[in-house]
Protein backbone atom coordinates (compact mmCIF):
# COMPACT_ATOMS: atom_id res chain seq x y z
CA MET A 1 27.21 4.76 -1.01
CA LYS A 2 29.35 2.04 -2.61
CA THR A 3 29.33 0.17 0.70
CA LEU A 4 25.56 0.36 0.89
CA MET A 5 25.15 -0.87 -2.69
CA SER A 6 27.41 -3.83 -1.90
CA THR A 7 25.67 -4.64 1.39
CA TYR A 8 21.99 -4.30 0.44
CA SER A 9 20.02 -5.87 -2.42
CA LYS A 10 16.90 -3.70 -2.11
CA CYS A 11 16.23 0.01 -1.90
CA PHE A 12 13.52 2.64 -2.22
CA ILE A 13 13.98 5.80 -4.26
CA VAL A 14 12.11 8.48 -2.31
CA ASP A 15 11.07 12.04 -3.09
CA ILE A 16 11.80 14.41 -0.19
CA ASP A 17 10.20 17.65 -1.38
CA ASN A 18 9.09 19.79 1.59
CA VAL A 19 10.62 17.34 4.07
CA GLY A 20 12.74 19.00 6.77
CA SER A 21 16.02 17.76 8.24
CA MET A 22 14.40 16.96 11.60
CA GLN A 23 11.78 14.83 9.89
CA ILE A 24 14.48 12.96 7.94
CA GLN A 25 16.38 12.38 11.18
CA SER A 26 13.30 10.97 12.91
CA THR A 27 12.81 8.64 9.93
CA ARG A 28 16.41 7.45 10.29
CA LEU A 29 15.76 6.65 13.95
CA ALA A 30 12.56 4.74 13.13
CA LEU A 31 14.40 2.68 10.50
CA ARG A 32 17.47 1.98 12.62
CA GLY A 33 18.36 -1.70 12.44
CA SER A 34 16.17 -2.41 9.40
CA ALA A 35 17.21 0.14 6.74
CA GLU A 36 19.72 2.87 5.92
CA VAL A 37 18.76 6.32 4.59
CA LEU A 38 21.15 7.99 2.16
CA MET A 39 20.84 11.61 1.01
CA GLY A 40 23.30 13.52 -1.14
CA LYS A 41 23.90 15.63 -4.21
CA ASN A 42 22.62 14.00 -7.37
CA THR A 43 25.92 14.53 -9.22
CA MET A 44 27.88 12.81 -6.43
CA MET A 45 25.42 9.90 -6.23
CA ARG A 46 25.53 9.39 -9.99
CA LYS A 47 29.33 9.45 -9.86
CA CYS A 48 29.36 6.79 -7.12
CA ILE A 49 26.98 4.58 -9.12
CA ARG A 50 29.12 4.86 -12.28
CA GLU A 51 32.29 3.98 -10.36
CA PHE A 52 30.54 1.04 -8.70
CA VAL A 53 29.41 -0.25 -12.12
CA GLU A 54 32.96 0.05 -13.46
CA GLU A 55 34.25 -2.01 -10.53
CA ASN A 56 31.39 -4.53 -10.93
CA PRO A 57 30.61 -4.73 -14.68
CA ASP A 58 27.81 -7.32 -14.36
CA THR A 59 25.82 -5.47 -11.71
CA PRO A 60 22.28 -4.34 -12.65
CA ILE A 61 22.47 -1.40 -10.25
CA ALA A 62 23.44 0.94 -13.11
CA GLN A 63 19.73 1.66 -13.67
CA LEU A 64 19.67 3.62 -10.41
CA GLU A 65 21.71 6.37 -12.08
CA ASP A 66 18.67 7.57 -14.05
CA CYS A 67 16.71 7.86 -10.79
CA CYS A 68 19.02 10.57 -9.44
CA ARG A 69 16.87 13.42 -10.73
CA GLY A 70 15.15 16.00 -8.56
CA ASN A 71 15.06 16.07 -4.78
CA VAL A 72 15.49 12.33 -4.13
CA GLY A 73 17.22 9.98 -1.73
CA PHE A 74 17.76 6.25 -1.21
CA VAL A 75 16.56 3.91 1.54
CA PHE A 76 18.57 0.67 1.47
CA THR A 77 17.37 -2.53 3.15
CA ASN A 78 17.60 -6.32 3.10
CA GLY A 79 14.38 -6.75 5.04
CA ASP A 80 10.72 -6.82 4.10
CA LEU A 81 9.88 -3.99 1.72
CA GLY A 82 6.32 -3.77 3.02
CA ALA A 83 7.46 -3.20 6.62
CA VAL A 84 9.94 -0.49 5.60
CA ARG A 85 7.29 1.13 3.44
CA GLU A 86 4.88 1.36 6.37
CA ILE A 87 7.49 3.17 8.47
CA LEU A 88 8.26 5.63 5.66
CA GLU A 89 4.62 6.42 4.95
CA SER A 90 3.70 6.75 8.63
CA ASN A 91 6.34 9.39 9.31
CA VAL A 92 4.50 12.44 7.96
CA ARG A 93 4.11 15.94 9.36
CA PRO A 94 1.30 18.51 8.92
CA ALA A 95 2.38 21.68 7.16
CA PRO A 96 0.78 25.07 6.42
CA ALA A 97 -0.07 26.15 2.88
CA ARG A 98 2.74 28.34 1.56
CA VAL A 99 2.24 30.91 -1.20
CA GLY A 100 3.24 29.48 -4.57
CA ALA A 101 3.35 25.86 -3.37
CA ILE A 102 1.60 23.18 -5.43
CA ALA A 103 -1.30 21.68 -3.50
CA PRO A 104 -0.85 17.87 -3.22
CA THR A 105 -4.52 17.40 -2.25
CA ASP A 106 -7.83 19.24 -2.36
CA VAL A 107 -8.40 21.67 0.51
CA ILE A 108 -11.96 21.98 1.82
CA VAL A 109 -12.63 24.41 4.65
CA PRO A 110 -15.53 23.18 6.81
CA LYS A 111 -18.42 25.46 7.70
CA GLY A 112 -18.72 26.90 11.18
CA PRO A 113 -17.36 29.70 13.35
CA THR A 114 -14.02 31.15 12.25
CA GLY A 115 -13.02 33.15 15.32
CA CYS A 116 -12.59 36.28 13.14
CA ASP A 117 -14.25 39.53 14.13
CA PRO A 118 -16.96 41.05 11.89
CA GLY A 119 -14.52 43.67 10.60
CA GLN A 120 -12.85 41.01 8.43
CA THR A 121 -15.98 40.21 6.42
CA ALA A 122 -14.52 41.85 3.29
CA PHE A 123 -11.65 39.35 3.34
CA PHE A 124 -14.07 36.42 3.05
CA GLN A 125 -16.10 38.21 0.39
CA THR A 126 -12.95 38.54 -1.72
CA LEU A 127 -12.64 34.76 -1.70
CA GLN A 128 -16.38 34.43 -2.48
CA ILE A 129 -17.09 32.60 0.76
CA ALA A 130 -20.63 32.85 2.12
CA THR A 131 -20.65 34.03 5.75
CA LYS A 132 -22.88 35.40 8.47
CA ILE A 133 -22.33 37.10 11.81
CA ALA A 134 -23.13 34.91 14.79
CA LYS A 135 -22.25 35.59 18.44
CA GLY A 136 -19.90 38.44 17.55
CA GLN A 137 -17.80 36.51 15.04
CA ILE A 138 -17.84 35.52 11.38
CA GLU A 139 -19.32 32.11 10.66
CA MET A 140 -19.01 30.24 7.35
CA THR A 141 -22.39 28.92 6.25
CA THR A 142 -21.20 26.18 3.84
CA ASP A 143 -18.19 23.98 3.29
CA THR A 144 -15.83 25.74 0.89
CA HIS A 145 -13.64 23.99 -1.69
CA LEU A 146 -10.75 26.42 -1.39
CA ILE A 147 -7.90 24.75 -3.32
CA SER A 148 -7.86 21.93 -5.86
CA ALA A 149 -5.03 19.39 -6.05
CA GLY A 150 -2.32 20.53 -8.47
CA GLU A 151 -3.12 24.25 -8.15
CA LYS A 152 -0.71 26.86 -6.82
CA VAL A 153 -1.62 28.35 -3.46
CA THR A 154 -2.39 32.07 -3.72
CA ALA A 155 -1.57 34.68 -1.09
CA SER A 156 -5.22 35.14 -0.05
CA GLN A 157 -5.78 31.38 0.26
CA ALA A 158 -2.66 30.98 2.39
CA ALA A 159 -3.72 33.96 4.56
CA LEU A 160 -7.19 32.49 5.13
CA LEU A 161 -5.83 29.10 6.16
CA GLN A 162 -3.39 30.83 8.50
CA LYS A 163 -6.22 32.87 10.08
CA LEU A 164 -8.17 29.67 10.66
CA SER A 165 -5.09 27.84 11.99
CA ILE A 166 -5.49 25.11 9.39
CA GLU A 167 -2.49 23.10 8.22
CA PRO A 168 -4.02 21.34 5.22
CA PHE A 169 -1.04 19.46 3.83
CA THR A 170 1.08 16.61 5.14
CA TYR A 171 4.58 15.95 3.90
CA GLY A 172 6.83 12.95 4.17
CA MET A 173 9.08 10.74 2.09
CA THR A 174 7.15 9.81 -1.06
CA LEU A 175 8.00 6.46 -2.62
CA VAL A 176 8.89 6.82 -6.30
CA LYS A 177 10.61 3.59 -7.35
CA VAL A 178 11.60 0.27 -5.82
CA TYR A 179 14.81 -1.62 -6.62
CA ASP A 180 14.84 -5.30 -5.70
CA SER A 181 17.64 -7.69 -6.69
CA GLY A 182 18.19 -6.12 -10.11
CA SER A 183 14.56 -5.21 -10.87
CA LEU A 184 13.38 -1.60 -10.86
CA PHE A 185 9.64 -1.01 -10.70
CA ASP A 186 7.02 1.50 -9.59
CA ALA A 187 6.22 1.67 -5.88
CA LYS A 188 2.52 1.02 -6.62
CA VAL A 189 3.41 -2.63 -7.24
CA LEU A 190 3.71 -3.02 -3.47
CA ASP A 191 -0.05 -2.40 -3.22
CA ILE A 192 -0.59 -5.86 -4.74
CA THR A 193 -1.03 -8.11 -1.69
CA ASP A 194 -1.52 -11.89 -1.48
CA GLU A 195 -5.26 -11.31 -1.07
CA VAL A 196 -5.39 -9.31 -4.32
CA LEU A 197 -3.46 -12.00 -6.21
CA THR A 198 -5.71 -14.72 -4.82
CA ALA A 199 -8.87 -12.86 -5.85
CA LYS A 200 -7.51 -12.29 -9.39
CA PHE A 201 -6.48 -15.95 -9.69
CA ILE A 202 -9.91 -17.20 -8.60
CA ALA A 203 -11.65 -14.83 -11.03
CA ALA A 204 -9.45 -16.11 -13.88
CA LEU A 205 -10.22 -19.73 -12.97
CA ASN A 206 -13.94 -19.00 -13.00
CA THR A 207 -13.65 -17.44 -16.46
CA ILE A 208 -11.67 -20.41 -17.81
CA SER A 209 -14.14 -22.92 -16.39
CA LYS A 210 -17.10 -21.05 -17.94
CA LEU A 211 -15.41 -20.98 -21.35
CA SER A 212 -14.47 -24.65 -21.08
CA LEU A 213 -18.03 -25.69 -20.27
CA ALA A 214 -19.49 -23.51 -23.02
CA LEU A 215 -17.07 -24.90 -25.63
CA ASN A 216 -17.33 -28.50 -24.39
CA ILE A 217 -13.55 -28.62 -23.93
CA PRO A 218 -12.55 -30.22 -20.59
CA THR A 219 -9.81 -28.48 -18.59
CA GLU A 220 -8.49 -28.73 -15.05
CA ALA A 221 -10.50 -25.63 -14.14
CA SER A 222 -13.79 -27.15 -15.35
CA VAL A 223 -13.35 -30.79 -14.37
CA THR A 224 -15.25 -30.42 -11.07
CA HIS A 225 -18.20 -28.85 -12.87
CA SER A 226 -18.08 -31.55 -15.55
CA VAL A 227 -18.15 -34.29 -12.90
CA ALA A 228 -21.07 -32.60 -11.15
CA ASN A 229 -22.98 -32.27 -14.42
CA ALA A 230 -22.26 -35.91 -15.25
CA PHE A 231 -23.55 -37.02 -11.85
CA LYS A 232 -26.76 -35.04 -12.33
CA ALA A 233 -27.21 -36.53 -15.79
CA ILE A 234 -26.75 -40.12 -14.52
CA LEU A 235 -28.99 -39.41 -11.53
CA ALA A 236 -31.73 -38.08 -13.82
CA VAL A 237 -31.65 -41.34 -15.73
CA THR A 238 -31.46 -43.55 -12.63
CA VAL A 239 -34.47 -42.07 -10.83
CA GLU A 240 -36.62 -43.02 -13.83
CA LEU A 241 -35.45 -46.65 -13.83
CA GLU A 242 -37.09 -49.22 -11.57
CA ASN A 243 -34.57 -52.03 -11.97
CA TYR A 244 -31.31 -50.05 -11.64
CA THR A 245 -29.79 -47.85 -8.98
CA PHE A 246 -26.49 -47.04 -7.27
CA ASP A 247 -25.53 -45.98 -3.75
CA LYS A 248 -25.54 -42.22 -4.22
CA ALA A 249 -28.91 -42.30 -5.97
CA GLU A 250 -30.70 -44.20 -3.20
CA ILE A 251 -31.53 -41.14 -1.10
CA TYR A 252 -33.01 -39.29 -4.09
CA LYS A 253 -35.11 -42.26 -5.15
CA ALA A 254 -36.28 -42.75 -1.55
CA TYR A 255 -37.35 -39.11 -1.33
CA LEU A 256 -39.22 -39.22 -4.62
CA ALA A 257 -40.97 -42.42 -3.50
CA ASP A 258 -42.05 -41.02 -0.09
CA PRO A 259 -41.33 -37.29 0.56
CA SER A 260 -43.21 -37.41 3.88
CA ALA A 261 -40.53 -39.70 5.31
CA PHE A 262 -38.09 -36.78 5.25
CA ALA A 263 -40.48 -34.22 6.74
CA GLY A 264 -39.42 -34.76 10.37
CA SER A 265 -35.71 -35.29 9.79
CA GLY A 266 -34.87 -31.77 10.93
CA GLY A 267 -36.16 -32.24 14.52
CA GLY A 268 -38.55 -29.83 16.19
CA GLY A 269 -39.57 -26.32 15.16
CA GLY A 270 -38.98 -25.39 11.55
CA GLY A 271 -36.26 -27.97 10.84
CA GLY A 272 -38.64 -30.28 8.96
CA GLU A 273 -39.69 -27.53 6.57
CA ALA A 274 -36.05 -26.67 5.91
CA ALA A 275 -35.32 -30.30 5.08
CA VAL A 276 -38.27 -30.45 2.68
CA GLU A 277 -37.14 -27.23 0.97
CA GLU A 278 -33.61 -28.59 0.64
CA GLU A 279 -34.83 -31.88 -0.86
CA ALA A 280 -37.17 -29.97 -3.17
CA ALA A 281 -34.20 -27.97 -4.42
CA VAL A 282 -32.35 -31.26 -5.07
CA GLU A 283 -35.36 -32.55 -7.01
CA GLU A 284 -35.37 -29.40 -9.15
CA GLU A 285 -31.68 -29.92 -9.96
CA VAL A 286 -32.41 -33.53 -10.96
CA GLU A 287 -35.24 -32.43 -13.25
CA GLU A 288 -33.03 -29.83 -14.95
CA ALA A 289 -30.06 -32.18 -15.33
CA PRO A 290 -30.80 -34.16 -18.56
CA PRO A 291 -29.36 -31.49 -20.96
CA ALA A 292 -25.92 -32.17 -19.44
CA VAL A 293 -25.96 -35.62 -21.12
CA ASP A 294 -24.49 -33.86 -24.16
CA MET A 295 -21.02 -34.15 -22.59
CA PHE A 296 -21.15 -37.92 -23.28
CA GLY A 297 -21.70 -37.30 -26.99
CA GLY A 298 -25.42 -37.99 -26.84
CA GLY A 299 -26.37 -35.11 -29.11
CA ASP A 300 -29.99 -34.22 -28.42
CA GLY A 301 -30.25 -36.85 -25.70
CA GLY A 302 -31.73 -39.76 -27.71
CA ASP A 303 -33.48 -42.67 -26.01
CA TYR A 304 -32.18 -44.06 -22.76
C-alpha cells in the first residue's frame, strides 16, 4: 500500500458491499494498465497510512485514514478519473433479493403470467397481489410495487421473486470518495462535466448583463448589449434627419423611403415576403429604440 501511495496521486474509495471475489477479480482485469485495486483489513490499511505519514510528514494523504470504515477498498490511478469511473460503474452483476438485505432500489413486479400453477394462489393473496387464472396458470393483473428502496427484504418477498426468476438488484463497486493530489471530495463532483460548467457560466453571464443594464452600470458582460442599444438609439435619431446619415443607417433609410424596392430581394416563391417581414421587424426595433438614449445621460430624451 505504501508503494501505491508513493506511485499514484489519485484514488477512488469504493464500497464493496455484496460484491463477490470473482467480480472484484474481473474489475482488476478491466483496469489492468490504468489502475490498481487494493483491498485489505481496515486496521492494516490505517496502520500503513499512519506509517506513510510518519515517513512523509508533509503528505496530505493522512485524510485517507478516516475513509477506512466499513467494507471499503482503494482504486489507485494516475490516469483520467472519468475513464476509470466508467469501468468501475460498468462492472455490475445482477443479484437475487436475499432475506434481510436492504433494497438499494424500488422493486416493481410487472403484470403478466407468472408460470405458477393455480394451487399457489394463496401465496399471492398473502402479499395482497391481484391475480387471475389464465391458461392454467396464475397471472398478475397489475404492476406491483413489491419493495421500496431502503426497506429490508422479507422472506415472502424474496420467495416470490425467486419463484418468478427475478433478480432485481445489481451490485458493483460503489464510488464513495475521490482523492486527487491532496484533495478529498465526494464522487458526485465527477458528474460535473465541461458542458455543465459552460451552461452555468453562460447563465451567470446573462444574469450579470441583465443587472448591469437595469442599474445602468456598464460591465464586460453587458457591453455588447449597451453597444447594440446605443446603435438603435442613434439609428432612431438618424432616420428622422434629412441632412445627416452614416453608412450603417443607409439601408434602413432606403427601406423606409421605398419598402417596395426590397420586396423582390428574396428571389422567387415566398422569399420576398420573408424579406419584407424581416425589414418590418427591423423597423419595429428602430421605433422602440429611443428609450435607450438614457445611457448617454439624456434623462427623459429631451430635444434632438
